[in-house]
Amino acid sequence: MCKGLIGKKLGMSTVYSPEGKQIPVTVVQVGPCTVAQVKTKSTDGYESLQLSFGERKEKRVTKPVKGHLKKSNLTSTAALREVPVDNPEEFTPGQVITADIFHVGEKVDVIGKTKGRGFSGVMRRHGFSGGKKTHGSHSHRIPGSIGCSAWPARVTKGKRMPGAYGNEKQTVRNLEIVDIRMDDNLVLLKGAVPGSKSGLVMVRKTKFAK
């Protein structure tokens, strides 16, 4: 069985359970994904599927990628990702996989890239409380002292300081599937997932589900 699919985050919404409880959900278009390559232990040393999702203008696809996709009768793709698989012999290049590999109530992990926040200070990036606001203080949002006196006379590695914030790979684990709408390949996940609207995500069966 294929253990994950590539998807696109469409946004957040609200649904209601049969008991009338309000549930915040993230709507993700999961698939359809096309198998671009089947990897086996005999040829690649491990077992997985390389999946293709979405489309882009052909002029934006490089010739090596076009040649690779031609084997599975594809002309372009927005994303290529690998997912583990139990039995790769069950799949062939060009095969289409849809959201029916998931079921309502199942727990999944979602991997995405967080929103980029640009260059940020320590209060926004690390949650520092800031300095005094009164009595002539001029240290409102600055990080404060970062040195280590005479020894070791340098800034220690890993010191929390201003810098680029966001635009990082992040995994949210154990999100529950509230509903699946196969007509539109939509999966409704309880809670929030990383990334902005229309951002690519990987929805993967969790390893820790009971």
N, C-alpha and C. Protein backbone atom coordinates (compact mmCIF):
# COMPACT_ATOMS: atom_id res chain seq x y z
N MET A 1 0.83 -1.20 0.00
CA MET A 1 0.00 0.00 0.00
C MET A 1 0.87 1.25 0.00
N CYS A 2 0.45 2.26 -0.76
CA CYS A 2 1.13 3.54 -0.76
C CYS A 2 0.85 4.25 0.56
N LYS A 3 1.88 4.83 1.18
CA LYS A 3 1.72 5.37 2.53
C LYS A 3 1.60 6.90 2.57
N GLY A 4 1.45 7.54 1.42
CA GLY A 4 1.31 8.99 1.44
C GLY A 4 1.04 9.54 0.05
N LEU A 5 0.58 10.79 0.00
CA LEU A 5 0.32 11.45 -1.26
C LEU A 5 0.72 12.92 -1.15
N ILE A 6 1.00 13.52 -2.31
CA ILE A 6 1.28 14.95 -2.36
C ILE A 6 -0.05 15.69 -2.46
N GLY A 7 -0.14 16.84 -1.81
CA GLY A 7 -1.38 17.60 -1.85
C GLY A 7 -1.13 19.09 -1.87
N LYS A 8 -2.22 19.84 -1.87
CA LYS A 8 -2.16 21.29 -1.88
C LYS A 8 -3.11 21.83 -0.82
N LYS A 9 -2.60 22.69 0.04
CA LYS A 9 -3.43 23.29 1.09
C LYS A 9 -4.35 24.35 0.46
N LEU A 10 -5.64 24.19 0.70
CA LEU A 10 -6.61 25.12 0.13
C LEU A 10 -7.09 26.16 1.13
N GLY A 11 -6.94 25.91 2.42
CA GLY A 11 -7.38 26.87 3.43
C GLY A 11 -8.06 26.17 4.59
N MET A 12 -8.60 26.97 5.51
CA MET A 12 -9.25 26.42 6.71
C MET A 12 -10.75 26.68 6.65
N SER A 13 -11.50 25.84 7.34
CA SER A 13 -12.94 25.95 7.39
C SER A 13 -13.43 25.34 8.70
N THR A 14 -14.74 25.19 8.81
CA THR A 14 -15.36 24.61 10.00
C THR A 14 -16.42 23.61 9.59
N VAL A 15 -16.45 22.47 10.26
CA VAL A 15 -17.51 21.49 10.06
C VAL A 15 -18.09 21.15 11.43
N TYR A 16 -19.23 20.48 11.41
CA TYR A 16 -19.89 20.12 12.66
C TYR A 16 -20.07 18.60 12.72
N SER A 17 -19.79 18.05 13.89
CA SER A 17 -19.96 16.62 14.10
C SER A 17 -21.45 16.29 14.24
N PRO A 18 -21.83 15.02 14.15
CA PRO A 18 -23.24 14.64 14.34
C PRO A 18 -23.80 15.09 15.69
N GLU A 19 -22.91 15.28 16.69
CA GLU A 19 -23.36 15.74 18.01
C GLU A 19 -23.49 17.25 18.08
N GLY A 20 -23.14 17.96 16.97
CA GLY A 20 -23.24 19.41 16.95
C GLY A 20 -21.99 20.12 17.42
N LYS A 21 -20.89 19.39 17.58
CA LYS A 21 -19.64 20.00 18.02
C LYS A 21 -18.92 20.64 16.84
N GLN A 22 -18.44 21.88 17.05
CA GLN A 22 -17.72 22.61 16.00
C GLN A 22 -16.29 22.10 15.90
N ILE A 23 -15.84 21.79 14.68
CA ILE A 23 -14.49 21.25 14.47
C ILE A 23 -13.77 22.12 13.45
N PRO A 24 -12.65 22.75 13.83
CA PRO A 24 -11.85 23.49 12.85
C PRO A 24 -11.06 22.52 11.98
N VAL A 25 -11.12 22.70 10.67
CA VAL A 25 -10.45 21.77 9.76
C VAL A 25 -9.64 22.54 8.73
N THR A 26 -8.61 21.87 8.22
CA THR A 26 -7.85 22.38 7.08
C THR A 26 -8.21 21.54 5.87
N VAL A 27 -8.57 22.20 4.79
CA VAL A 27 -8.97 21.51 3.55
C VAL A 27 -7.73 21.33 2.67
N VAL A 28 -7.44 20.08 2.34
CA VAL A 28 -6.27 19.76 1.53
C VAL A 28 -6.71 18.96 0.32
N GLN A 29 -6.30 19.41 -0.86
CA GLN A 29 -6.53 18.62 -2.06
C GLN A 29 -5.42 17.58 -2.16
N VAL A 30 -5.76 16.33 -1.91
CA VAL A 30 -4.77 15.25 -1.88
C VAL A 30 -4.87 14.47 -3.19
N GLY A 31 -3.83 14.59 -4.02
CA GLY A 31 -3.84 13.90 -5.29
C GLY A 31 -4.78 14.57 -6.28
N PRO A 32 -5.07 13.90 -7.40
CA PRO A 32 -4.51 12.59 -7.77
C PRO A 32 -3.02 12.70 -8.12
N CYS A 33 -2.28 11.68 -7.73
CA CYS A 33 -0.85 11.62 -8.00
C CYS A 33 -0.57 10.50 -8.98
N THR A 34 0.39 10.74 -9.86
CA THR A 34 0.79 9.75 -10.85
C THR A 34 2.15 9.16 -10.47
N VAL A 35 2.28 7.86 -10.60
CA VAL A 35 3.54 7.20 -10.30
C VAL A 35 4.54 7.52 -11.40
N ALA A 36 5.60 8.24 -11.04
CA ALA A 36 6.63 8.60 -12.01
C ALA A 36 7.74 7.56 -12.09
N GLN A 37 7.99 6.88 -10.96
CA GLN A 37 9.05 5.87 -10.93
C GLN A 37 8.80 4.91 -9.78
N VAL A 38 9.07 3.64 -10.01
CA VAL A 38 8.97 2.62 -8.96
C VAL A 38 10.38 2.20 -8.58
N LYS A 39 10.73 2.35 -7.32
CA LYS A 39 12.08 2.02 -6.86
C LYS A 39 12.03 0.74 -6.03
N THR A 40 12.90 -0.20 -6.34
CA THR A 40 12.95 -1.49 -5.65
C THR A 40 14.34 -1.72 -5.06
N LYS A 41 14.43 -2.71 -4.18
CA LYS A 41 15.71 -3.01 -3.54
C LYS A 41 16.74 -3.49 -4.56
N SER A 42 16.29 -4.22 -5.56
CA SER A 42 17.23 -4.77 -6.53
C SER A 42 17.86 -3.69 -7.40
N THR A 43 17.12 -2.62 -7.69
CA THR A 43 17.64 -1.57 -8.58
C THR A 43 18.14 -0.34 -7.84
N ASP A 44 17.50 0.00 -6.72
CA ASP A 44 17.83 1.25 -6.02
C ASP A 44 18.29 1.05 -4.58
N GLY A 45 18.15 -0.15 -4.05
CA GLY A 45 18.58 -0.41 -2.68
C GLY A 45 17.50 -0.18 -1.64
N TYR A 46 16.36 0.32 -2.03
CA TYR A 46 15.24 0.52 -1.10
C TYR A 46 13.95 0.55 -1.91
N GLU A 47 12.83 0.49 -1.21
CA GLU A 47 11.53 0.41 -1.87
C GLU A 47 10.73 1.68 -1.63
N SER A 48 10.32 2.32 -2.73
CA SER A 48 9.50 3.53 -2.62
C SER A 48 8.86 3.83 -3.96
N LEU A 49 7.96 4.79 -3.94
CA LEU A 49 7.34 5.30 -5.15
C LEU A 49 7.70 6.77 -5.31
N GLN A 50 8.05 7.16 -6.52
CA GLN A 50 8.21 8.57 -6.81
C GLN A 50 6.91 9.06 -7.45
N LEU A 51 6.26 10.02 -6.77
CA LEU A 51 4.95 10.49 -7.20
C LEU A 51 5.05 11.87 -7.84
N SER A 52 4.19 12.10 -8.83
CA SER A 52 4.09 13.39 -9.50
C SER A 52 2.74 14.00 -9.15
N PHE A 53 2.74 15.32 -8.92
CA PHE A 53 1.50 16.01 -8.57
C PHE A 53 1.42 17.35 -9.30
N GLY A 54 0.25 17.66 -9.86
CA GLY A 54 0.03 18.96 -10.49
C GLY A 54 0.74 19.11 -11.82
N GLU A 55 0.60 20.29 -12.37
CA GLU A 55 1.21 20.61 -13.66
C GLU A 55 1.84 22.00 -13.62
N ARG A 56 2.76 22.22 -14.53
CA ARG A 56 3.33 23.55 -14.73
C ARG A 56 3.60 23.73 -16.22
N LYS A 57 3.90 24.95 -16.62
CA LYS A 57 4.16 25.20 -18.03
C LYS A 57 5.33 24.35 -18.50
N GLU A 58 5.18 23.76 -19.68
CA GLU A 58 6.23 22.87 -20.18
C GLU A 58 7.56 23.58 -20.37
N LYS A 59 7.51 24.88 -20.71
CA LYS A 59 8.76 25.61 -20.91
C LYS A 59 9.55 25.78 -19.61
N ARG A 60 8.89 25.55 -18.48
CA ARG A 60 9.57 25.66 -17.18
C ARG A 60 10.14 24.31 -16.70
N VAL A 61 9.94 23.28 -17.50
CA VAL A 61 10.45 21.95 -17.14
C VAL A 61 11.74 21.71 -17.91
N THR A 62 12.80 21.33 -17.21
CA THR A 62 14.09 21.10 -17.85
C THR A 62 14.06 19.81 -18.68
N LYS A 63 14.98 19.70 -19.62
CA LYS A 63 15.02 18.53 -20.49
C LYS A 63 15.28 17.22 -19.73
N PRO A 64 16.18 17.20 -18.73
CA PRO A 64 16.36 15.96 -17.98
C PRO A 64 15.08 15.50 -17.29
N VAL A 65 14.33 16.45 -16.73
CA VAL A 65 13.08 16.10 -16.06
C VAL A 65 12.05 15.62 -17.08
N LYS A 66 12.00 16.28 -18.24
CA LYS A 66 11.07 15.84 -19.29
C LYS A 66 11.37 14.40 -19.71
N GLY A 67 12.65 14.07 -19.87
CA GLY A 67 13.02 12.71 -20.24
C GLY A 67 12.64 11.71 -19.16
N HIS A 68 12.79 12.13 -17.91
CA HIS A 68 12.42 11.25 -16.79
C HIS A 68 10.91 11.02 -16.76
N LEU A 69 10.13 12.08 -16.99
CA LEU A 69 8.67 11.97 -16.93
C LEU A 69 8.10 11.23 -18.13
N LYS A 70 8.83 11.22 -19.25
CA LYS A 70 8.34 10.59 -20.46
C LYS A 70 8.10 9.10 -20.25
N LYS A 71 8.84 8.48 -19.33
CA LYS A 71 8.70 7.05 -19.07
C LYS A 71 7.32 6.71 -18.49
N SER A 72 6.70 7.70 -17.84
CA SER A 72 5.37 7.47 -17.26
C SER A 72 4.30 8.26 -18.00
N ASN A 73 4.61 8.66 -19.24
CA ASN A 73 3.66 9.38 -20.11
C ASN A 73 3.22 10.72 -19.52
N LEU A 74 4.13 11.41 -18.84
CA LEU A 74 3.86 12.73 -18.29
C LEU A 74 4.67 13.77 -19.07
N THR A 75 4.13 14.97 -19.17
CA THR A 75 4.84 16.04 -19.86
C THR A 75 5.38 17.10 -18.91
N SER A 76 4.71 17.29 -17.77
CA SER A 76 5.16 18.28 -16.79
C SER A 76 4.64 17.89 -15.42
N THR A 77 5.20 18.52 -14.39
CA THR A 77 4.76 18.26 -13.03
C THR A 77 5.09 19.45 -12.16
N ALA A 78 4.28 19.66 -11.13
CA ALA A 78 4.55 20.74 -10.18
C ALA A 78 5.44 20.26 -9.05
N ALA A 79 5.42 18.95 -8.77
CA ALA A 79 6.21 18.43 -7.66
C ALA A 79 6.49 16.95 -7.86
N LEU A 80 7.66 16.52 -7.42
CA LEU A 80 8.04 15.12 -7.38
C LEU A 80 8.47 14.79 -5.96
N ARG A 81 7.85 13.77 -5.38
CA ARG A 81 8.19 13.37 -4.01
C ARG A 81 8.20 11.84 -3.93
N GLU A 82 8.99 11.33 -2.99
CA GLU A 82 9.02 9.89 -2.77
C GLU A 82 8.27 9.52 -1.51
N VAL A 83 7.57 8.39 -1.55
CA VAL A 83 6.86 7.88 -0.39
C VAL A 83 7.20 6.40 -0.25
N PRO A 84 7.28 5.89 0.98
CA PRO A 84 7.56 4.46 1.17
C PRO A 84 6.36 3.62 0.74
N VAL A 85 6.64 2.39 0.38
CA VAL A 85 5.58 1.48 -0.07
C VAL A 85 5.94 0.08 0.39
N ASP A 86 4.92 -0.72 0.73
CA ASP A 86 5.15 -2.07 1.22
C ASP A 86 5.55 -3.03 0.10
N ASN A 87 4.83 -2.95 -1.02
CA ASN A 87 5.07 -3.88 -2.13
C ASN A 87 5.12 -3.11 -3.44
N PRO A 88 6.30 -2.70 -3.89
CA PRO A 88 6.39 -1.88 -5.11
C PRO A 88 5.93 -2.62 -6.37
N GLU A 89 5.91 -3.97 -6.34
CA GLU A 89 5.48 -4.71 -7.52
C GLU A 89 4.01 -4.47 -7.86
N GLU A 90 3.24 -3.92 -6.91
CA GLU A 90 1.83 -3.66 -7.16
C GLU A 90 1.60 -2.41 -8.01
N PHE A 91 2.66 -1.63 -8.24
CA PHE A 91 2.50 -0.35 -8.93
C PHE A 91 3.31 -0.33 -10.22
N THR A 92 2.84 0.48 -11.17
CA THR A 92 3.53 0.64 -12.44
C THR A 92 3.61 2.13 -12.77
N PRO A 93 4.65 2.56 -13.50
CA PRO A 93 4.74 3.97 -13.90
C PRO A 93 3.52 4.39 -14.71
N GLY A 94 3.00 5.57 -14.38
CA GLY A 94 1.81 6.07 -15.06
C GLY A 94 0.52 5.77 -14.31
N GLN A 95 0.59 4.92 -13.28
CA GLN A 95 -0.61 4.60 -12.50
C GLN A 95 -1.03 5.80 -11.66
N VAL A 96 -2.32 6.05 -11.56
CA VAL A 96 -2.86 7.18 -10.80
C VAL A 96 -3.34 6.69 -9.43
N ILE A 97 -2.93 7.41 -8.38
CA ILE A 97 -3.33 7.08 -7.02
C ILE A 97 -4.14 8.25 -6.47
N THR A 98 -5.27 7.96 -5.87
CA THR A 98 -6.16 8.99 -5.35
C THR A 98 -6.27 8.91 -3.84
N ALA A 99 -7.13 9.77 -3.28
CA ALA A 99 -7.25 9.88 -1.83
C ALA A 99 -7.95 8.70 -1.19
N ASP A 100 -8.35 7.70 -1.98
CA ASP A 100 -9.03 6.55 -1.38
C ASP A 100 -8.10 5.64 -0.59
N ILE A 101 -6.80 5.96 -0.56
CA ILE A 101 -5.90 5.18 0.30
C ILE A 101 -6.07 5.58 1.77
N PHE A 102 -6.76 6.70 2.03
CA PHE A 102 -7.03 7.13 3.40
C PHE A 102 -8.48 6.82 3.76
N HIS A 103 -8.79 6.87 5.05
CA HIS A 103 -10.17 6.67 5.49
C HIS A 103 -10.47 7.60 6.65
N VAL A 104 -11.73 7.91 6.84
CA VAL A 104 -12.17 8.83 7.89
C VAL A 104 -11.81 8.26 9.26
N GLY A 105 -11.27 9.12 10.13
CA GLY A 105 -10.84 8.69 11.46
C GLY A 105 -9.38 8.30 11.55
N GLU A 106 -8.73 8.16 10.40
CA GLU A 106 -7.31 7.79 10.38
C GLU A 106 -6.44 8.97 10.79
N LYS A 107 -5.28 8.70 11.40
CA LYS A 107 -4.32 9.73 11.79
C LYS A 107 -3.23 9.82 10.73
N VAL A 108 -2.87 11.05 10.37
CA VAL A 108 -1.84 11.26 9.35
C VAL A 108 -0.85 12.32 9.83
N ASP A 109 0.34 12.31 9.22
CA ASP A 109 1.33 13.37 9.42
C ASP A 109 1.33 14.25 8.18
N VAL A 110 1.44 15.55 8.39
CA VAL A 110 1.46 16.49 7.27
C VAL A 110 2.78 17.26 7.28
N ILE A 111 3.49 17.21 6.16
CA ILE A 111 4.78 17.88 6.03
C ILE A 111 4.61 19.05 5.06
N GLY A 112 4.99 20.23 5.50
CA GLY A 112 4.90 21.41 4.65
C GLY A 112 6.00 22.40 4.98
N LYS A 113 6.00 23.52 4.28
CA LYS A 113 6.98 24.58 4.51
C LYS A 113 6.26 25.77 5.11
N THR A 114 6.73 26.24 6.26
CA THR A 114 6.06 27.33 6.97
C THR A 114 6.15 28.63 6.19
N LYS A 115 5.27 29.56 6.50
CA LYS A 115 5.28 30.86 5.86
C LYS A 115 6.59 31.59 6.16
N GLY A 116 7.18 32.20 5.15
CA GLY A 116 8.41 32.96 5.36
C GLY A 116 8.10 34.32 5.99
N ARG A 117 8.79 34.67 7.07
CA ARG A 117 8.56 35.93 7.77
C ARG A 117 9.67 36.94 7.55
N GLY A 118 10.67 36.56 6.77
CA GLY A 118 11.76 37.49 6.51
C GLY A 118 12.67 37.65 7.72
N PHE A 119 13.44 38.74 7.74
CA PHE A 119 14.35 39.02 8.86
C PHE A 119 13.53 39.52 10.04
N SER A 120 13.62 38.83 11.17
CA SER A 120 12.80 39.14 12.34
C SER A 120 13.67 39.29 13.58
N GLY A 121 13.17 40.08 14.51
CA GLY A 121 13.87 40.29 15.77
C GLY A 121 13.63 39.15 16.74
N VAL A 122 14.28 39.25 17.91
CA VAL A 122 14.23 38.14 18.87
C VAL A 122 12.85 37.99 19.51
N MET A 123 12.08 39.07 19.61
CA MET A 123 10.76 38.96 20.24
C MET A 123 9.81 38.17 19.34
N ARG A 124 9.88 38.41 18.05
CA ARG A 124 9.00 37.68 17.13
C ARG A 124 9.54 36.29 16.82
N ARG A 125 10.86 36.19 16.68
CA ARG A 125 11.46 34.93 16.25
C ARG A 125 11.54 33.92 17.39
N HIS A 126 11.86 34.39 18.60
CA HIS A 126 12.09 33.47 19.71
C HIS A 126 11.15 33.69 20.89
N GLY A 127 10.30 34.72 20.83
CA GLY A 127 9.37 34.94 21.93
C GLY A 127 9.97 35.63 23.14
N PHE A 128 11.05 36.41 22.96
CA PHE A 128 11.62 37.15 24.09
C PHE A 128 10.58 38.13 24.63
N SER A 129 10.65 38.41 25.92
CA SER A 129 9.66 39.28 26.56
C SER A 129 9.98 40.76 26.36
N GLY A 130 11.22 41.08 26.00
CA GLY A 130 11.58 42.49 25.81
C GLY A 130 12.06 43.13 27.10
N GLY A 131 12.54 44.36 26.96
CA GLY A 131 13.06 45.08 28.12
C GLY A 131 12.03 45.97 28.78
N LYS A 132 12.49 46.80 29.70
CA LYS A 132 11.59 47.71 30.41
C LYS A 132 11.00 48.74 29.47
N LYS A 133 9.80 49.17 29.78
CA LYS A 133 9.11 50.16 28.94
C LYS A 133 9.21 51.58 29.51
N THR A 134 9.63 51.70 30.77
CA THR A 134 9.62 53.00 31.45
C THR A 134 10.96 53.29 32.11
N HIS A 135 10.99 54.36 32.89
CA HIS A 135 12.16 54.78 33.67
C HIS A 135 13.39 55.00 32.79
N GLY A 136 13.17 55.58 31.60
CA GLY A 136 14.29 55.95 30.75
C GLY A 136 14.96 54.80 30.02
N SER A 137 14.34 53.63 30.04
CA SER A 137 14.96 52.48 29.36
C SER A 137 14.93 52.67 27.86
N HIS A 138 16.03 52.31 27.20
CA HIS A 138 16.10 52.33 25.74
C HIS A 138 16.21 50.91 25.19
N SER A 139 15.99 49.90 26.04
CA SER A 139 16.12 48.51 25.63
C SER A 139 14.73 47.88 25.58
N HIS A 140 13.98 48.20 24.52
CA HIS A 140 12.60 47.72 24.43
C HIS A 140 12.51 46.37 23.70
N ARG A 141 13.15 46.28 22.54
CA ARG A 141 13.00 45.06 21.74
C ARG A 141 14.36 44.46 21.35
N ILE A 142 15.43 44.94 21.92
CA ILE A 142 16.76 44.44 21.55
C ILE A 142 17.06 43.15 22.32
N PRO A 143 17.98 42.32 21.82
CA PRO A 143 18.25 41.03 22.48
C PRO A 143 18.99 41.15 23.80
N GLY A 144 19.69 42.27 24.03
CA GLY A 144 20.47 42.39 25.25
C GLY A 144 21.89 41.87 25.06
N SER A 145 22.60 41.67 26.16
CA SER A 145 23.99 41.24 26.10
C SER A 145 24.10 39.83 25.51
N ILE A 146 25.09 39.63 24.62
CA ILE A 146 25.29 38.31 24.02
C ILE A 146 26.69 37.77 24.27
N GLY A 147 27.57 38.57 24.87
CA GLY A 147 28.95 38.16 25.06
C GLY A 147 29.15 37.26 26.26
N CYS A 148 30.37 36.76 26.41
CA CYS A 148 30.71 35.86 27.51
C CYS A 148 31.93 36.36 28.27
N SER A 149 32.07 37.69 28.38
CA SER A 149 33.16 38.29 29.16
C SER A 149 34.53 37.84 28.63
N ALA A 150 35.51 37.73 29.52
CA ALA A 150 36.88 37.47 29.10
C ALA A 150 37.06 36.04 28.59
N TRP A 151 36.22 35.14 29.11
CA TRP A 151 36.32 33.75 28.64
C TRP A 151 34.93 33.22 28.38
N PRO A 152 34.65 32.59 27.26
CA PRO A 152 35.59 32.27 26.17
C PRO A 152 35.78 33.42 25.19
N ALA A 153 35.31 34.61 25.51
CA ALA A 153 35.54 35.80 24.69
C ALA A 153 34.99 35.67 23.27
N ARG A 154 33.86 35.02 23.17
CA ARG A 154 33.19 34.87 21.87
C ARG A 154 31.72 34.57 22.13
N VAL A 155 30.94 34.68 21.08
CA VAL A 155 29.52 34.35 21.19
C VAL A 155 29.36 32.84 21.01
N THR A 156 28.69 32.20 21.93
CA THR A 156 28.53 30.75 21.87
C THR A 156 27.63 30.35 20.70
N LYS A 157 27.89 29.18 20.14
CA LYS A 157 27.10 28.68 19.03
C LYS A 157 25.67 28.43 19.48
N GLY A 158 24.73 28.73 18.56
CA GLY A 158 23.33 28.49 18.87
C GLY A 158 22.65 29.60 19.64
N LYS A 159 23.35 30.71 19.89
CA LYS A 159 22.76 31.83 20.61
C LYS A 159 21.54 32.35 19.84
N ARG A 160 20.43 32.52 20.55
CA ARG A 160 19.21 32.99 19.90
C ARG A 160 19.33 34.49 19.61
N MET A 161 19.31 34.81 18.31
CA MET A 161 19.52 36.18 17.87
C MET A 161 18.57 36.49 16.71
N PRO A 162 18.50 37.76 16.27
CA PRO A 162 17.66 38.08 15.11
C PRO A 162 18.14 37.34 13.87
N GLY A 163 17.22 37.16 12.92
CA GLY A 163 17.61 36.50 11.68
C GLY A 163 16.40 36.07 10.88
N ALA A 164 16.63 35.28 9.83
CA ALA A 164 15.55 34.80 8.97
C ALA A 164 14.63 33.89 9.76
N TYR A 165 13.33 34.11 9.60
CA TYR A 165 12.34 33.38 10.39
C TYR A 165 11.30 32.79 9.44
N GLY A 166 10.97 31.53 9.62
CA GLY A 166 9.99 30.86 8.76
C GLY A 166 10.65 30.25 7.54
N ASN A 167 9.80 29.83 6.57
CA ASN A 167 10.28 29.20 5.34
C ASN A 167 11.12 27.96 5.64
N GLU A 168 10.64 27.17 6.61
CA GLU A 168 11.34 25.96 7.02
C GLU A 168 10.41 24.76 6.93
N LYS A 169 10.99 23.61 6.69
CA LYS A 169 10.21 22.37 6.64
C LYS A 169 9.70 22.03 8.04
N GLN A 170 8.41 21.72 8.12
CA GLN A 170 7.81 21.42 9.41
C GLN A 170 6.83 20.25 9.27
N THR A 171 6.81 19.38 10.27
CA THR A 171 5.92 18.23 10.27
C THR A 171 4.95 18.34 11.44
N VAL A 172 3.66 18.24 11.14
CA VAL A 172 2.63 18.19 12.18
C VAL A 172 2.11 16.75 12.22
N ARG A 173 2.17 16.13 13.39
CA ARG A 173 1.87 14.71 13.49
C ARG A 173 0.48 14.46 14.07
N ASN A 174 -0.04 13.30 13.72
CA ASN A 174 -1.27 12.76 14.30
C ASN A 174 -2.48 13.67 14.11
N LEU A 175 -2.68 14.17 12.90
CA LEU A 175 -3.90 14.92 12.59
C LEU A 175 -4.98 13.94 12.15
N GLU A 176 -6.17 14.14 12.67
CA GLU A 176 -7.27 13.21 12.37
C GLU A 176 -7.99 13.62 11.09
N ILE A 177 -8.30 12.64 10.25
CA ILE A 177 -9.09 12.89 9.05
C ILE A 177 -10.56 12.94 9.45
N VAL A 178 -11.18 14.10 9.29
CA VAL A 178 -12.58 14.29 9.68
C VAL A 178 -13.52 13.86 8.56
N ASP A 179 -13.13 14.14 7.31
CA ASP A 179 -14.01 13.81 6.19
C ASP A 179 -13.17 13.70 4.92
N ILE A 180 -13.65 12.88 3.98
CA ILE A 180 -13.01 12.73 2.67
C ILE A 180 -14.08 12.92 1.61
N ARG A 181 -13.81 13.81 0.65
CA ARG A 181 -14.76 14.07 -0.43
C ARG A 181 -14.08 13.68 -1.75
N MET A 182 -14.34 12.45 -2.15
CA MET A 182 -13.63 11.85 -3.26
C MET A 182 -13.90 12.54 -4.58
N ASP A 183 -15.09 13.14 -4.75
CA ASP A 183 -15.42 13.79 -6.02
C ASP A 183 -14.44 14.90 -6.36
N ASP A 184 -13.93 15.57 -5.31
CA ASP A 184 -13.00 16.69 -5.52
C ASP A 184 -11.61 16.39 -4.97
N ASN A 185 -11.36 15.14 -4.54
CA ASN A 185 -10.07 14.74 -3.96
C ASN A 185 -9.71 15.60 -2.75
N LEU A 186 -10.69 15.90 -1.91
CA LEU A 186 -10.47 16.75 -0.75
C LEU A 186 -10.43 15.91 0.52
N VAL A 187 -9.48 16.24 1.37
CA VAL A 187 -9.38 15.63 2.70
C VAL A 187 -9.47 16.73 3.73
N LEU A 188 -10.34 16.58 4.71
CA LEU A 188 -10.52 17.57 5.78
C LEU A 188 -9.81 17.07 7.02
N LEU A 189 -8.79 17.82 7.45
CA LEU A 189 -7.96 17.43 8.58
C LEU A 189 -8.28 18.30 9.79
N LYS A 190 -8.43 17.68 10.94
CA LYS A 190 -8.72 18.42 12.16
C LYS A 190 -7.48 19.18 12.62
N GLY A 191 -7.58 20.52 12.68
CA GLY A 191 -6.45 21.33 13.10
C GLY A 191 -5.79 22.05 11.94
N ALA A 192 -4.62 22.62 12.22
CA ALA A 192 -3.90 23.44 11.25
C ALA A 192 -2.70 22.69 10.71
N VAL A 193 -2.31 23.02 9.47
CA VAL A 193 -1.12 22.45 8.86
C VAL A 193 -0.21 23.59 8.43
N PRO A 194 1.09 23.34 8.34
CA PRO A 194 2.03 24.42 8.00
C PRO A 194 1.87 24.88 6.55
N GLY A 195 2.23 26.16 6.32
CA GLY A 195 2.25 26.69 4.97
C GLY A 195 1.11 27.63 4.68
N SER A 196 1.20 28.27 3.54
CA SER A 196 0.18 29.23 3.10
C SER A 196 -0.81 28.54 2.18
N LYS A 197 -1.86 29.26 1.80
CA LYS A 197 -2.82 28.72 0.85
C LYS A 197 -2.12 28.41 -0.48
N SER A 198 -2.52 27.30 -1.08
CA SER A 198 -1.95 26.81 -2.34
C SER A 198 -0.54 26.26 -2.16
N GLY A 199 -0.07 26.14 -0.93
CA GLY A 199 1.25 25.57 -0.69
C GLY A 199 1.22 24.05 -0.78
N LEU A 200 2.32 23.47 -1.27
CA LEU A 200 2.41 22.02 -1.40
C LEU A 200 2.67 21.38 -0.04
N VAL A 201 2.00 20.26 0.21
CA VAL A 201 2.20 19.50 1.44
C VAL A 201 2.27 18.03 1.10
N MET A 202 2.85 17.26 2.02
CA MET A 202 2.86 15.81 1.90
C MET A 202 2.00 15.25 3.03
N VAL A 203 0.97 14.49 2.68
CA VAL A 203 0.10 13.85 3.67
C VAL A 203 0.52 12.38 3.73
N ARG A 204 0.96 11.95 4.92
CA ARG A 204 1.57 10.63 5.06
C ARG A 204 0.92 9.87 6.22
N LYS A 205 0.69 8.61 6.05
CA LYS A 205 0.15 7.80 7.13
C LYS A 205 1.13 7.82 8.30
N THR A 206 0.61 8.10 9.51
CA THR A 206 1.48 8.24 10.65
C THR A 206 2.04 6.90 11.10
N LYS A 207 3.26 6.92 11.61
CA LYS A 207 3.89 5.72 12.11
C LYS A 207 3.44 5.37 13.52
N PHE A 208 2.83 6.35 14.22
CA PHE A 208 2.55 6.18 15.64
C PHE A 208 1.07 5.96 15.92
N ALA A 209 0.27 5.73 14.88
CA ALA A 209 -1.17 5.53 15.09
C ALA A 209 -1.42 4.21 15.81
N LYS A 210 -2.35 4.23 16.74
CA LYS A 210 -2.67 3.02 17.51
C LYS A 210 -3.77 2.24 16.79
